[in-house]
């Protein structure tokens, strides 16, 4: 019990407050929008220290958290996670998790005015083919003709293809379903279809299969992308054309950073080398547009924050 009194004393110390302020301004310096006040931040920070202390299962863990508090080591707990936690409690279903991604997209579009961007147009087919070949993108025509080679030689049944076509036609409804019933796991978000009430109109449109299929990114004629993984179908919020454009913009940025301003003599092999990082960055950026707050994320965050607040109250912090 003396240990917890000592811990509380350290959490209230001027050194701890000063370190908390320093970390707060560091973590918010690049945020375009910050919904978390310093008071909310330091309160949750103290609550996390207490939580780590009372849930410790070894003397070593207790000593670690005690020493961290004594030395004002703020990052002994998930300090950055506090912002995500509090922001989630204030979010609405469907809000972007990473709002800063919009700024990244706005910044990269400046490269569209560069002469290099127009010069890259002659490589559009090369770039599109690279993206499709290396990131599991297939046209719906390829899928219907059976002209594809998926991971583990997986073949789509006619029933799966019909579901893919059906879900594409209800894109907005599909996104509502995922926003309300998605749950996170360590590798991939998935939709908990069993949670949808049987009498809900959404149940009729909750297309999915019971397959354990590998990843398919299926591109329709208008550029719409349906993502299909482990039986879960989702219509992405961006089209293939956006991925192609963003990849080209990142190519321009990378080339100019390497003092290359003319693609006339650019070898195809050199372009491929640049394509890998450019495509990865473009995909990561666009994927943040699909990361939205779901009903479960908001509810779970509210409960977690309430538990932290209760610890703060119980220990008079």
C-alpha atoms as a PDB file:
ATOM      1  CA  UNK A   1       0.000   0.000   0.000  1.00  0.00           C
ATOM      2  CA  UNK A   2       2.947   2.267   0.671  1.00  0.00           C
ATOM      3  CA  UNK A   3       4.001   1.714  -2.937  1.00  0.00           C
ATOM      4  CA  UNK A   4       0.757   3.068  -4.342  1.00  0.00           C
ATOM      5  CA  UNK A   5       0.976   6.117  -2.069  1.00  0.00           C
ATOM      6  CA  UNK A   6       4.474   6.738  -3.382  1.00  0.00           C
ATOM      7  CA  UNK A   7       3.246   6.255  -6.957  1.00  0.00           C
ATOM      8  CA  UNK A   8       0.412   8.774  -6.454  1.00  0.00           C
ATOM      9  CA  UNK A   9       2.888  11.267  -4.967  1.00  0.00           C
ATOM     10  CA  UNK A  10       5.112  10.944  -8.052  1.00  0.00           C
ATOM     11  CA  UNK A  11       2.149  11.304 -10.416  1.00  0.00           C
ATOM     12  CA  UNK A  12       1.264  14.609  -8.749  1.00  0.00           C
ATOM     13  CA  UNK A  13       4.838  15.942  -8.708  1.00  0.00           C
ATOM     14  CA  UNK A  14       5.912  19.063 -10.575  1.00  0.00           C
ATOM     15  CA  UNK A  15       8.442  17.027 -12.580  1.00  0.00           C
ATOM     16  CA  UNK A  16       5.710  14.660 -13.779  1.00  0.00           C
ATOM     17  CA  UNK A  17       3.449  17.578 -14.739  1.00  0.00           C
ATOM     18  CA  UNK A  18       6.313  19.249 -16.627  1.00  0.00           C
ATOM     19  CA  UNK A  19       7.114  16.041 -18.532  1.00  0.00           C
ATOM     20  CA  UNK A  20       3.419  15.543 -19.290  1.00  0.00           C
ATOM     21  CA  UNK A  21       3.228  19.052 -20.761  1.00  0.00           C
ATOM     22  CA  UNK A  22       6.326  18.460 -22.857  1.00  0.00           C
ATOM     23  CA  UNK A  23       4.960  15.186 -24.239  1.00  0.00           C
ATOM     24  CA  UNK A  24       1.524  16.736 -24.829  1.00  0.00           C
ATOM     25  CA  UNK A  25       2.913  19.531 -27.009  1.00  0.00           C
ATOM     26  CA  UNK A  26       5.227  17.091 -28.793  1.00  0.00           C
ATOM     27  CA  UNK A  27       2.370  14.706 -29.637  1.00  0.00           C
ATOM     28  CA  UNK A  28       0.030  17.495 -30.764  1.00  0.00           C
ATOM     29  CA  UNK A  29       2.579  19.585 -32.695  1.00  0.00           C
ATOM     30  CA  UNK A  30       1.709  18.035 -36.066  1.00  0.00           C
ATOM     31  CA  UNK A  31      -1.994  17.527 -35.441  1.00  0.00           C
ATOM     32  CA  UNK A  32      -4.194  19.627 -37.689  1.00  0.00           C
ATOM     33  CA  UNK A  33      -7.066  19.199 -35.247  1.00  0.00           C
ATOM     34  CA  UNK A  34      -6.782  18.267 -31.568  1.00  0.00           C
ATOM     35  CA  UNK A  35      -9.857  17.470 -29.501  1.00  0.00           C
ATOM     36  CA  UNK A  36      -7.964  16.502 -26.334  1.00  0.00           C
ATOM     37  CA  UNK A  37      -7.218  19.126 -23.688  1.00  0.00           C
ATOM     38  CA  UNK A  38      -4.118  18.914 -21.530  1.00  0.00           C
ATOM     39  CA  UNK A  39      -6.322  18.322 -18.469  1.00  0.00           C
ATOM     40  CA  UNK A  40      -7.931  15.295 -20.158  1.00  0.00           C
ATOM     41  CA  UNK A  41      -4.508  14.069 -21.257  1.00  0.00           C
ATOM     42  CA  UNK A  42      -2.732  14.213 -17.894  1.00  0.00           C
ATOM     43  CA  UNK A  43      -5.761  12.767 -16.089  1.00  0.00           C
ATOM     44  CA  UNK A  44      -5.834   9.745 -18.420  1.00  0.00           C
ATOM     45  CA  UNK A  45      -2.045   9.479 -18.202  1.00  0.00           C
ATOM     46  CA  UNK A  46      -2.197   9.155 -14.416  1.00  0.00           C
ATOM     47  CA  UNK A  47      -5.048   6.680 -14.695  1.00  0.00           C
ATOM     48  CA  UNK A  48      -2.996   4.489 -17.037  1.00  0.00           C
ATOM     49  CA  UNK A  49      -0.066   4.474 -14.600  1.00  0.00           C
ATOM     50  CA  UNK A  50      -2.404   3.381 -11.790  1.00  0.00           C
ATOM     51  CA  UNK A  51      -3.964   0.725 -14.029  1.00  0.00           C
ATOM     52  CA  UNK A  52      -0.541  -0.687 -14.935  1.00  0.00           C
ATOM     53  CA  UNK A  53       0.389  -0.747 -11.262  1.00  0.00           C
ATOM     54  CA  UNK A  54      -2.714  -2.526  -9.955  1.00  0.00           C
ATOM     55  CA  UNK A  55      -2.775  -5.054 -12.798  1.00  0.00           C
ATOM     56  CA  UNK A  56       0.945  -5.898 -12.524  1.00  0.00           C
ATOM     57  CA  UNK A  57       1.523  -9.611 -11.980  1.00  0.00           C
ATOM     58  CA  UNK A  58       5.174  -9.500 -10.945  1.00  0.00           C
ATOM     59  CA  UNK A  59       7.490  -7.491  -8.725  1.00  0.00           C
ATOM     60  CA  UNK A  60       9.466  -6.598 -11.820  1.00  0.00           C
ATOM     61  CA  UNK A  61       6.418  -4.949 -13.441  1.00  0.00           C
ATOM     62  CA  UNK A  62       5.632  -3.044 -10.236  1.00  0.00           C
ATOM     63  CA  UNK A  63       9.205  -1.747 -10.018  1.00  0.00           C
ATOM     64  CA  UNK A  64       9.122  -0.755 -13.686  1.00  0.00           C
ATOM     65  CA  UNK A  65       6.021   1.420 -13.327  1.00  0.00           C
ATOM     66  CA  UNK A  66       7.229   2.871 -10.005  1.00  0.00           C
ATOM     67  CA  UNK A  67      10.587   3.869 -11.509  1.00  0.00           C
ATOM     68  CA  UNK A  68       8.888   5.291 -14.606  1.00  0.00           C
ATOM     69  CA  UNK A  69       6.640   7.529 -12.482  1.00  0.00           C
ATOM     70  CA  UNK A  70       9.555   8.588 -10.291  1.00  0.00           C
ATOM     71  CA  UNK A  71      11.630   9.502 -13.364  1.00  0.00           C
ATOM     72  CA  UNK A  72       8.626  11.086 -15.139  1.00  0.00           C
ATOM     73  CA  UNK A  73       8.959   8.610 -17.995  1.00  0.00           C
ATOM     74  CA  UNK A  74       5.660   9.447 -19.652  1.00  0.00           C
ATOM     75  CA  UNK A  75       6.023   6.916 -22.444  1.00  0.00           C
ATOM     76  CA  UNK A  76       6.100   3.961 -20.056  1.00  0.00           C
ATOM     77  CA  UNK A  77       2.383   3.856 -20.867  1.00  0.00           C
ATOM     78  CA  UNK A  78       0.637   4.417 -24.203  1.00  0.00           C
ATOM     79  CA  UNK A  79       0.632   8.221 -24.078  1.00  0.00           C
ATOM     80  CA  UNK A  80      -0.161   8.588 -27.784  1.00  0.00           C
ATOM     81  CA  UNK A  81      -3.044   6.139 -27.391  1.00  0.00           C
ATOM     82  CA  UNK A  82      -4.735   8.598 -25.033  1.00  0.00           C
ATOM     83  CA  UNK A  83      -5.465  10.920 -27.952  1.00  0.00           C
ATOM     84  CA  UNK A  84      -6.956   8.087 -29.986  1.00  0.00           C
ATOM     85  CA  UNK A  85      -9.014   6.976 -27.003  1.00  0.00           C
ATOM     86  CA  UNK A  86     -10.455  10.401 -26.158  1.00  0.00           C
ATOM     87  CA  UNK A  87     -10.978  11.318 -29.811  1.00  0.00           C
ATOM     88  CA  UNK A  88     -12.910   8.066 -30.330  1.00  0.00           C
ATOM     89  CA  UNK A  89     -15.295   8.943 -27.490  1.00  0.00           C
ATOM     90  CA  UNK A  90     -16.046  12.278 -29.185  1.00  0.00           C
ATOM     91  CA  UNK A  91     -16.373  10.868 -32.703  1.00  0.00           C
ATOM     92  CA  UNK A  92     -19.469  10.089 -34.714  1.00  0.00           C
ATOM     93  CA  UNK A  93     -19.918   6.806 -36.545  1.00  0.00           C
ATOM     94  CA  UNK A  94     -18.154   7.091 -39.909  1.00  0.00           C
ATOM     95  CA  UNK A  95     -15.757   9.898 -38.906  1.00  0.00           C
ATOM     96  CA  UNK A  96     -12.184   9.466 -40.156  1.00  0.00           C
ATOM     97  CA  UNK A  97      -9.799   8.053 -37.564  1.00  0.00           C
ATOM     98  CA  UNK A  98      -6.821   9.839 -39.131  1.00  0.00           C
ATOM     99  CA  UNK A  99      -8.044  13.287 -40.173  1.00  0.00           C
ATOM    100  CA  UNK A 100      -4.453  14.329 -40.866  1.00  0.00           C
ATOM    101  CA  UNK A 101      -4.489  12.101 -43.954  1.00  0.00           C
ATOM    102  CA  UNK A 102      -6.579  14.725 -45.762  1.00  0.00           C
ATOM    103  CA  UNK A 103      -3.745  17.225 -45.308  1.00  0.00           C
ATOM    104  CA  UNK A 104      -1.248  14.681 -46.724  1.00  0.00           C
ATOM    105  CA  UNK A 105      -3.449  14.212 -49.772  1.00  0.00           C
ATOM    106  CA  UNK A 106      -3.834  17.975 -50.241  1.00  0.00           C
ATOM    107  CA  UNK A 107      -0.063  18.452 -49.953  1.00  0.00           C
ATOM    108  CA  UNK A 108       0.823  15.739 -52.465  1.00  0.00           C
ATOM    109  CA  UNK A 109      -1.650  17.079 -55.054  1.00  0.00           C
ATOM    110  CA  UNK A 110       0.619  20.133 -55.447  1.00  0.00           C
ATOM    111  CA  UNK A 111       2.854  17.889 -57.571  1.00  0.00           C
ATOM    112  CA  UNK A 112       0.076  17.652 -60.181  1.00  0.00           C
ATOM    113  CA  UNK A 113       1.231  21.028 -61.519  1.00  0.00           C
ATOM    114  CA  UNK A 114       4.751  19.744 -62.187  1.00  0.00           C
ATOM    115  CA  UNK A 115       5.716  19.024 -65.841  1.00  0.00           C
ATOM    116  CA  UNK A 116       6.907  15.591 -64.701  1.00  0.00           C
ATOM    117  CA  UNK A 117       3.359  14.586 -63.825  1.00  0.00           C
ATOM    118  CA  UNK A 118       2.108  15.099 -67.394  1.00  0.00           C
ATOM    119  CA  UNK A 119       5.216  13.380 -68.778  1.00  0.00           C
ATOM    120  CA  UNK A 120       4.396  10.288 -66.732  1.00  0.00           C
ATOM    121  CA  UNK A 121       1.117   9.846 -68.613  1.00  0.00           C
ATOM    122  CA  UNK A 122       2.839   7.694 -71.233  1.00  0.00           C
ATOM    123  CA  UNK A 123       3.623   5.241 -68.423  1.00  0.00           C
ATOM    124  CA  UNK A 124       0.009   4.977 -67.198  1.00  0.00           C
ATOM    125  CA  UNK A 125      -0.393   1.408 -68.472  1.00  0.00           C
ATOM    126  CA  UNK A 126       2.939   0.326 -66.975  1.00  0.00           C
ATOM    127  CA  UNK A 127       2.036   1.847 -63.599  1.00  0.00           C
ATOM    128  CA  UNK A 128      -1.483   0.375 -63.583  1.00  0.00           C
ATOM    129  CA  UNK A 129      -0.172  -3.079 -64.536  1.00  0.00           C
ATOM    130  CA  UNK A 130       2.445  -2.944 -61.770  1.00  0.00           C
ATOM    131  CA  UNK A 131      -0.186  -2.037 -59.153  1.00  0.00           C
ATOM    132  CA  UNK A 132      -2.509  -4.821 -60.315  1.00  0.00           C
ATOM    133  CA  UNK A 133       0.182  -7.482 -60.590  1.00  0.00           C
ATOM    134  CA  UNK A 134       1.818  -6.829 -57.221  1.00  0.00           C
ATOM    135  CA  UNK A 135      -1.166  -5.958 -55.008  1.00  0.00           C
ATOM    136  CA  UNK A 136      -3.840  -8.578 -55.856  1.00  0.00           C
ATOM    137  CA  UNK A 137      -5.992  -6.308 -58.067  1.00  0.00           C
ATOM    138  CA  UNK A 138      -8.116  -8.103 -60.653  1.00  0.00           C
ATOM    139  CA  UNK A 139     -10.636  -6.670 -63.094  1.00  0.00           C
ATOM    140  CA  UNK A 140     -14.165  -8.063 -62.824  1.00  0.00           C
ATOM    141  CA  UNK A 141     -13.669  -9.257 -66.417  1.00  0.00           C
ATOM    142  CA  UNK A 142     -10.624 -11.311 -65.384  1.00  0.00           C
ATOM    143  CA  UNK A 143     -12.596 -12.776 -62.504  1.00  0.00           C
ATOM    144  CA  UNK A 144     -15.539 -13.791 -64.697  1.00  0.00           C
ATOM    145  CA  UNK A 145     -13.240 -15.343 -67.317  1.00  0.00           C
ATOM    146  CA  UNK A 146     -11.237 -17.152 -64.650  1.00  0.00           C
ATOM    147  CA  UNK A 147      -8.109 -15.417 -65.910  1.00  0.00           C
ATOM    148  CA  UNK A 148      -6.374 -14.899 -62.570  1.00  0.00           C
ATOM    149  CA  UNK A 149      -3.973 -16.662 -60.245  1.00  0.00           C
ATOM    150  CA  UNK A 150      -4.712 -15.969 -56.599  1.00  0.00           C
ATOM    151  CA  UNK A 151      -2.814 -16.956 -53.488  1.00  0.00           C
ATOM    152  CA  UNK A 152      -2.840 -20.728 -52.823  1.00  0.00           C
ATOM    153  CA  UNK A 153      -4.536 -21.099 -56.243  1.00  0.00           C
ATOM    154  CA  UNK A 154      -7.866 -20.064 -54.709  1.00  0.00           C
ATOM    155  CA  UNK A 155     -10.739 -20.059 -57.215  1.00  0.00           C
ATOM    156  CA  UNK A 156     -13.893 -17.980 -56.796  1.00  0.00           C
ATOM    157  CA  UNK A 157     -17.216 -19.775 -57.133  1.00  0.00           C
ATOM    158  CA  UNK A 158     -20.094 -18.387 -59.182  1.00  0.00           C
ATOM    159  CA  UNK A 159     -21.925 -17.645 -55.925  1.00  0.00           C
ATOM    160  CA  UNK A 160     -18.975 -15.567 -54.675  1.00  0.00           C
ATOM    161  CA  UNK A 161     -18.796 -13.660 -57.960  1.00  0.00           C
ATOM    162  CA  UNK A 162     -22.534 -12.878 -57.796  1.00  0.00           C
ATOM    163  CA  UNK A 163     -22.108 -11.549 -54.238  1.00  0.00           C
ATOM    164  CA  UNK A 164     -19.176  -9.382 -55.328  1.00  0.00           C
ATOM    165  CA  UNK A 165     -21.319  -7.885 -58.101  1.00  0.00           C
ATOM    166  CA  UNK A 166     -24.282  -7.420 -55.750  1.00  0.00           C
ATOM    167  CA  UNK A 167     -22.276  -5.657 -53.046  1.00  0.00           C
ATOM    168  CA  UNK A 168     -20.773  -3.303 -55.606  1.00  0.00           C
ATOM    169  CA  UNK A 169     -24.280  -2.020 -56.413  1.00  0.00           C
ATOM    170  CA  UNK A 170     -24.980  -1.068 -52.775  1.00  0.00           C
ATOM    171  CA  UNK A 171     -21.706   0.701 -51.934  1.00  0.00           C
ATOM    172  CA  UNK A 172     -23.188   3.318 -49.548  1.00  0.00           C
ATOM    173  CA  UNK A 173     -25.224   0.682 -47.660  1.00  0.00           C
ATOM    174  CA  UNK A 174     -22.178  -1.595 -47.442  1.00  0.00           C
ATOM    175  CA  UNK A 175     -20.176   1.226 -45.840  1.00  0.00           C
ATOM    176  CA  UNK A 176     -22.986   1.874 -43.321  1.00  0.00           C
ATOM    177  CA  UNK A 177     -22.978  -1.816 -42.362  1.00  0.00           C
ATOM    178  CA  UNK A 178     -19.215  -1.828 -41.808  1.00  0.00           C
ATOM    179  CA  UNK A 179     -19.304   1.458 -39.888  1.00  0.00           C
ATOM    180  CA  UNK A 180     -21.841   0.012 -37.474  1.00  0.00           C
ATOM    181  CA  UNK A 181     -20.724  -3.575 -37.126  1.00  0.00           C
ATOM    182  CA  UNK A 182     -16.990  -3.727 -37.835  1.00  0.00           C
ATOM    183  CA  UNK A 183     -14.737  -4.953 -35.073  1.00  0.00           C
ATOM    184  CA  UNK A 184     -10.948  -4.765 -35.007  1.00  0.00           C
ATOM    185  CA  UNK A 185      -8.567  -7.644 -34.809  1.00  0.00           C
ATOM    186  CA  UNK A 186      -4.786  -7.557 -34.883  1.00  0.00           C
ATOM    187  CA  UNK A 187      -4.462  -8.045 -38.638  1.00  0.00           C
ATOM    188  CA  UNK A 188      -7.617  -6.878 -40.379  1.00  0.00           C
ATOM    189  CA  UNK A 189     -10.951  -5.281 -39.452  1.00  0.00           C
ATOM    190  CA  UNK A 190     -13.882  -7.585 -40.028  1.00  0.00           C
ATOM    191  CA  UNK A 191     -17.655  -7.235 -39.853  1.00  0.00           C
ATOM    192  CA  UNK A 192     -19.519  -9.063 -37.089  1.00  0.00           C
ATOM    193  CA  UNK A 193     -22.576  -9.913 -39.180  1.00  0.00           C
ATOM    194  CA  UNK A 194     -24.172 -11.868 -36.327  1.00  0.00           C
ATOM    195  CA  UNK A 195     -24.610  -8.581 -34.461  1.00  0.00           C
ATOM    196  CA  UNK A 196     -26.969  -7.179 -37.112  1.00  0.00           C
ATOM    197  CA  UNK A 197     -30.552  -7.599 -35.830  1.00  0.00           C
ATOM    198  CA  UNK A 198     -32.592 -10.021 -37.922  1.00  0.00           C
ATOM    199  CA  UNK A 199     -35.398  -7.482 -38.313  1.00  0.00           C
ATOM    200  CA  UNK A 200     -32.989  -4.752 -39.504  1.00  0.00           C
ATOM    201  CA  UNK A 201     -33.223  -3.709 -43.147  1.00  0.00           C
ATOM    202  CA  UNK A 202     -29.418  -3.839 -43.210  1.00  0.00           C
ATOM    203  CA  UNK A 203     -29.536  -7.606 -42.688  1.00  0.00           C
ATOM    204  CA  UNK A 204     -30.906  -8.030 -46.220  1.00  0.00           C
ATOM    205  CA  UNK A 205     -27.875  -6.253 -47.674  1.00  0.00           C
ATOM    206  CA  UNK A 206     -25.178  -7.799 -45.475  1.00  0.00           C
ATOM    207  CA  UNK A 207     -23.532  -9.827 -48.230  1.00  0.00           C
ATOM    208  CA  UNK A 208     -20.767 -12.142 -47.047  1.00  0.00           C
ATOM    209  CA  UNK A 209     -19.605 -15.725 -47.410  1.00  0.00           C
ATOM    210  CA  UNK A 210     -18.250 -18.279 -44.984  1.00  0.00           C
ATOM    211  CA  UNK A 211     -15.090 -18.738 -47.040  1.00  0.00           C
ATOM    212  CA  UNK A 212     -11.535 -18.377 -45.767  1.00  0.00           C
ATOM    213  CA  UNK A 213     -10.379 -16.772 -48.979  1.00  0.00           C
ATOM    214  CA  UNK A 214      -7.160 -14.811 -49.561  1.00  0.00           C
ATOM    215  CA  UNK A 215      -7.255 -11.120 -50.437  1.00  0.00           C
ATOM    216  CA  UNK A 216      -8.906 -10.037 -53.687  1.00  0.00           C
ATOM    217  CA  UNK A 217      -9.138  -6.393 -54.818  1.00  0.00           C
ATOM    218  CA  UNK A 218     -11.718  -6.508 -57.623  1.00  0.00           C
ATOM    219  CA  UNK A 219     -11.881  -3.510 -59.951  1.00  0.00           C
ATOM    220  CA  UNK A 220     -15.062  -2.743 -61.910  1.00  0.00           C
ATOM    221  CA  UNK A 221     -15.301  -0.825 -65.189  1.00  0.00           C
ATOM    222  CA  UNK A 222     -15.981   2.480 -63.422  1.00  0.00           C
ATOM    223  CA  UNK A 223     -12.987   2.002 -61.099  1.00  0.00           C
ATOM    224  CA  UNK A 224     -15.014   0.882 -58.061  1.00  0.00           C
ATOM    225  CA  UNK A 225     -13.002  -1.519 -55.891  1.00  0.00           C
ATOM    226  CA  UNK A 226     -14.605  -4.361 -53.925  1.00  0.00           C
ATOM    227  CA  UNK A 227     -12.277  -5.844 -51.340  1.00  0.00           C
ATOM    228  CA  UNK A 228     -12.881  -9.503 -50.514  1.00  0.00           C
ATOM    229  CA  UNK A 229     -11.057 -11.265 -47.661  1.00  0.00           C
ATOM    230  CA  UNK A 230     -12.059 -14.148 -45.363  1.00  0.00           C
ATOM    231  CA  UNK A 231     -15.636 -14.004 -46.660  1.00  0.00           C
ATOM    232  CA  UNK A 232     -15.931 -10.297 -45.870  1.00  0.00           C
ATOM    233  CA  UNK A 233     -16.937  -7.951 -48.690  1.00  0.00           C
ATOM    234  CA  UNK A 234     -16.416  -4.196 -48.560  1.00  0.00           C
ATOM    235  CA  UNK A 235     -16.745  -1.459 -51.165  1.00  0.00           C
ATOM    236  CA  UNK A 236     -13.767   0.864 -50.778  1.00  0.00           C
ATOM    237  CA  UNK A 237     -14.338   4.600 -50.477  1.00  0.00           C
ATOM    238  CA  UNK A 238     -11.911   5.372 -53.312  1.00  0.00           C
ATOM    239  CA  UNK A 239     -11.612   4.173 -56.901  1.00  0.00           C
ATOM    240  CA  UNK A 240      -8.693   2.637 -58.774  1.00  0.00           C
ATOM    241  CA  UNK A 241      -8.146   5.895 -60.673  1.00  0.00           C
ATOM    242  CA  UNK A 242      -7.410   7.628 -57.354  1.00  0.00           C
ATOM    243  CA  UNK A 243      -4.772   5.018 -56.519  1.00  0.00           C
ATOM    244  CA  UNK A 244      -3.181   5.461 -59.940  1.00  0.00           C
ATOM    245  CA  UNK A 245      -3.165   9.269 -59.606  1.00  0.00           C
ATOM    246  CA  UNK A 246      -1.738   9.223 -56.090  1.00  0.00           C
ATOM    247  CA  UNK A 247       0.945   6.732 -57.137  1.00  0.00           C
ATOM    248  CA  UNK A 248       1.999   9.046 -59.985  1.00  0.00           C
ATOM    249  CA  UNK A 249       2.109  12.031 -57.621  1.00  0.00           C
ATOM    250  CA  UNK A 250       4.378  10.104 -55.277  1.00  0.00           C
ATOM    251  CA  UNK A 251       6.601   9.103 -58.194  1.00  0.00           C
ATOM    252  CA  UNK A 252       7.005  12.792 -59.088  1.00  0.00           C
ATOM    253  CA  UNK A 253       7.854  13.625 -55.483  1.00  0.00           C
ATOM    254  CA  UNK A 254      10.451  10.839 -55.237  1.00  0.00           C
ATOM    255  CA  UNK A 255      12.038  11.711 -58.603  1.00  0.00           C
ATOM    256  CA  UNK A 256      12.296  15.407 -57.776  1.00  0.00           C
ATOM    257  CA  UNK A 257      13.780  14.617 -54.367  1.00  0.00           C
ATOM    258  CA  UNK A 258      16.454  12.715 -56.329  1.00  0.00           C
ATOM    259  CA  UNK A 259      16.985  15.690 -58.680  1.00  0.00           C
ATOM    260  CA  UNK A 260      15.339  13.984 -61.655  1.00  0.00           C
ATOM    261  CA  UNK A 261      13.147  16.383 -63.622  1.00  0.00           C
ATOM    262  CA  UNK A 262      12.861  14.629 -66.989  1.00  0.00           C
ATOM    263  CA  UNK A 263      11.457  11.164 -67.709  1.00  0.00           C
ATOM    264  CA  UNK A 264      12.379  11.143 -71.395  1.00  0.00           C
ATOM    265  CA  UNK A 265      15.411   8.954 -70.758  1.00  0.00           C
ATOM    266  CA  UNK A 266      13.981   7.125 -67.745  1.00  0.00           C
ATOM    267  CA  UNK A 267      14.394   3.380 -68.202  1.00  0.00           C
ATOM    268  CA  UNK A 268      11.448   1.130 -67.436  1.00  0.00           C
ATOM    269  CA  UNK A 269      13.568  -0.723 -64.850  1.00  0.00           C
ATOM    270  CA  UNK A 270      14.294   2.558 -63.052  1.00  0.00           C
ATOM    271  CA  UNK A 271      10.612   3.415 -63.028  1.00  0.00           C
ATOM    272  CA  UNK A 272       9.804   0.029 -61.460  1.00  0.00           C
ATOM    273  CA  UNK A 273      12.279   0.753 -58.640  1.00  0.00           C
ATOM    274  CA  UNK A 274      10.454   4.002 -57.853  1.00  0.00           C
ATOM    275  CA  UNK A 275       7.050   2.375 -58.261  1.00  0.00           C
ATOM    276  CA  UNK A 276       7.380   0.129 -55.226  1.00  0.00           C
ATOM    277  CA  UNK A 277       7.678   2.885 -52.572  1.00  0.00           C
ATOM    278  CA  UNK A 278       5.331   5.214 -54.497  1.00  0.00           C
ATOM    279  CA  UNK A 279       2.564   2.589 -54.649  1.00  0.00           C
ATOM    280  CA  UNK A 280       3.010   1.586 -51.001  1.00  0.00           C
ATOM    281  CA  UNK A 281       2.731   5.214 -49.867  1.00  0.00           C
ATOM    282  CA  UNK A 282      -0.321   5.816 -52.080  1.00  0.00           C
ATOM    283  CA  UNK A 283      -2.070   2.694 -50.791  1.00  0.00           C
ATOM    284  CA  UNK A 284      -1.307   3.514 -47.155  1.00  0.00           C
ATOM    285  CA  UNK A 285      -2.612   7.057 -47.629  1.00  0.00           C
ATOM    286  CA  UNK A 286      -5.850   5.972 -49.292  1.00  0.00           C
ATOM    287  CA  UNK A 287      -6.407   3.173 -46.797  1.00  0.00           C
ATOM    288  CA  UNK A 288      -6.623   5.785 -44.050  1.00  0.00           C
ATOM    289  CA  UNK A 289      -9.754   7.026 -45.834  1.00  0.00           C
ATOM    290  CA  UNK A 290     -11.363   3.652 -45.138  1.00  0.00           C
ATOM    291  CA  UNK A 291     -10.393   3.732 -41.446  1.00  0.00           C
ATOM    292  CA  UNK A 292     -13.436   5.221 -39.780  1.00  0.00           C
ATOM    293  CA  UNK A 293     -14.847   5.136 -36.278  1.00  0.00           C
ATOM    294  CA  UNK A 294     -17.293   2.272 -35.937  1.00  0.00           C
ATOM    295  CA  UNK A 295     -20.065   1.971 -33.383  1.00  0.00           C
ATOM    296  CA  UNK A 296     -18.095  -0.725 -31.529  1.00  0.00           C
ATOM    297  CA  UNK A 297     -14.896   1.353 -31.485  1.00  0.00           C
ATOM    298  CA  UNK A 298     -16.774   4.315 -29.997  1.00  0.00           C
ATOM    299  CA  UNK A 299     -18.624   2.215 -27.407  1.00  0.00           C
ATOM    300  CA  UNK A 300     -15.464   0.335 -26.348  1.00  0.00           C
ATOM    301  CA  UNK A 301     -13.507   3.584 -26.082  1.00  0.00           C
ATOM    302  CA  UNK A 302     -16.189   5.180 -23.899  1.00  0.00           C
ATOM    303  CA  UNK A 303     -16.097   2.214 -21.523  1.00  0.00           C
ATOM    304  CA  UNK A 304     -12.296   2.216 -21.374  1.00  0.00           C
ATOM    305  CA  UNK A 305     -12.165   5.950 -20.693  1.00  0.00           C
ATOM    306  CA  UNK A 306     -14.820   5.637 -17.984  1.00  0.00           C
ATOM    307  CA  UNK A 307     -12.733   2.921 -16.306  1.00  0.00           C
ATOM    308  CA  UNK A 308      -9.669   5.200 -16.374  1.00  0.00           C
ATOM    309  CA  UNK A 309     -11.675   8.130 -14.989  1.00  0.00           C
ATOM    310  CA  UNK A 310     -12.931   5.908 -12.178  1.00  0.00           C
ATOM    311  CA  UNK A 311      -9.349   5.016 -11.226  1.00  0.00           C
ATOM    312  CA  UNK A 312      -8.445   8.715 -11.180  1.00  0.00           C
ATOM    313  CA  UNK A 313     -11.427   9.375  -8.915  1.00  0.00           C
ATOM    314  CA  UNK A 314     -10.763   6.365  -6.638  1.00  0.00           C
ATOM    315  CA  UNK A 315      -7.150   7.404  -6.067  1.00  0.00           C
ATOM    316  CA  UNK A 316      -7.864  11.134  -5.786  1.00  0.00           C
ATOM    317  CA  UNK A 317      -5.774  12.103  -8.808  1.00  0.00           C
END
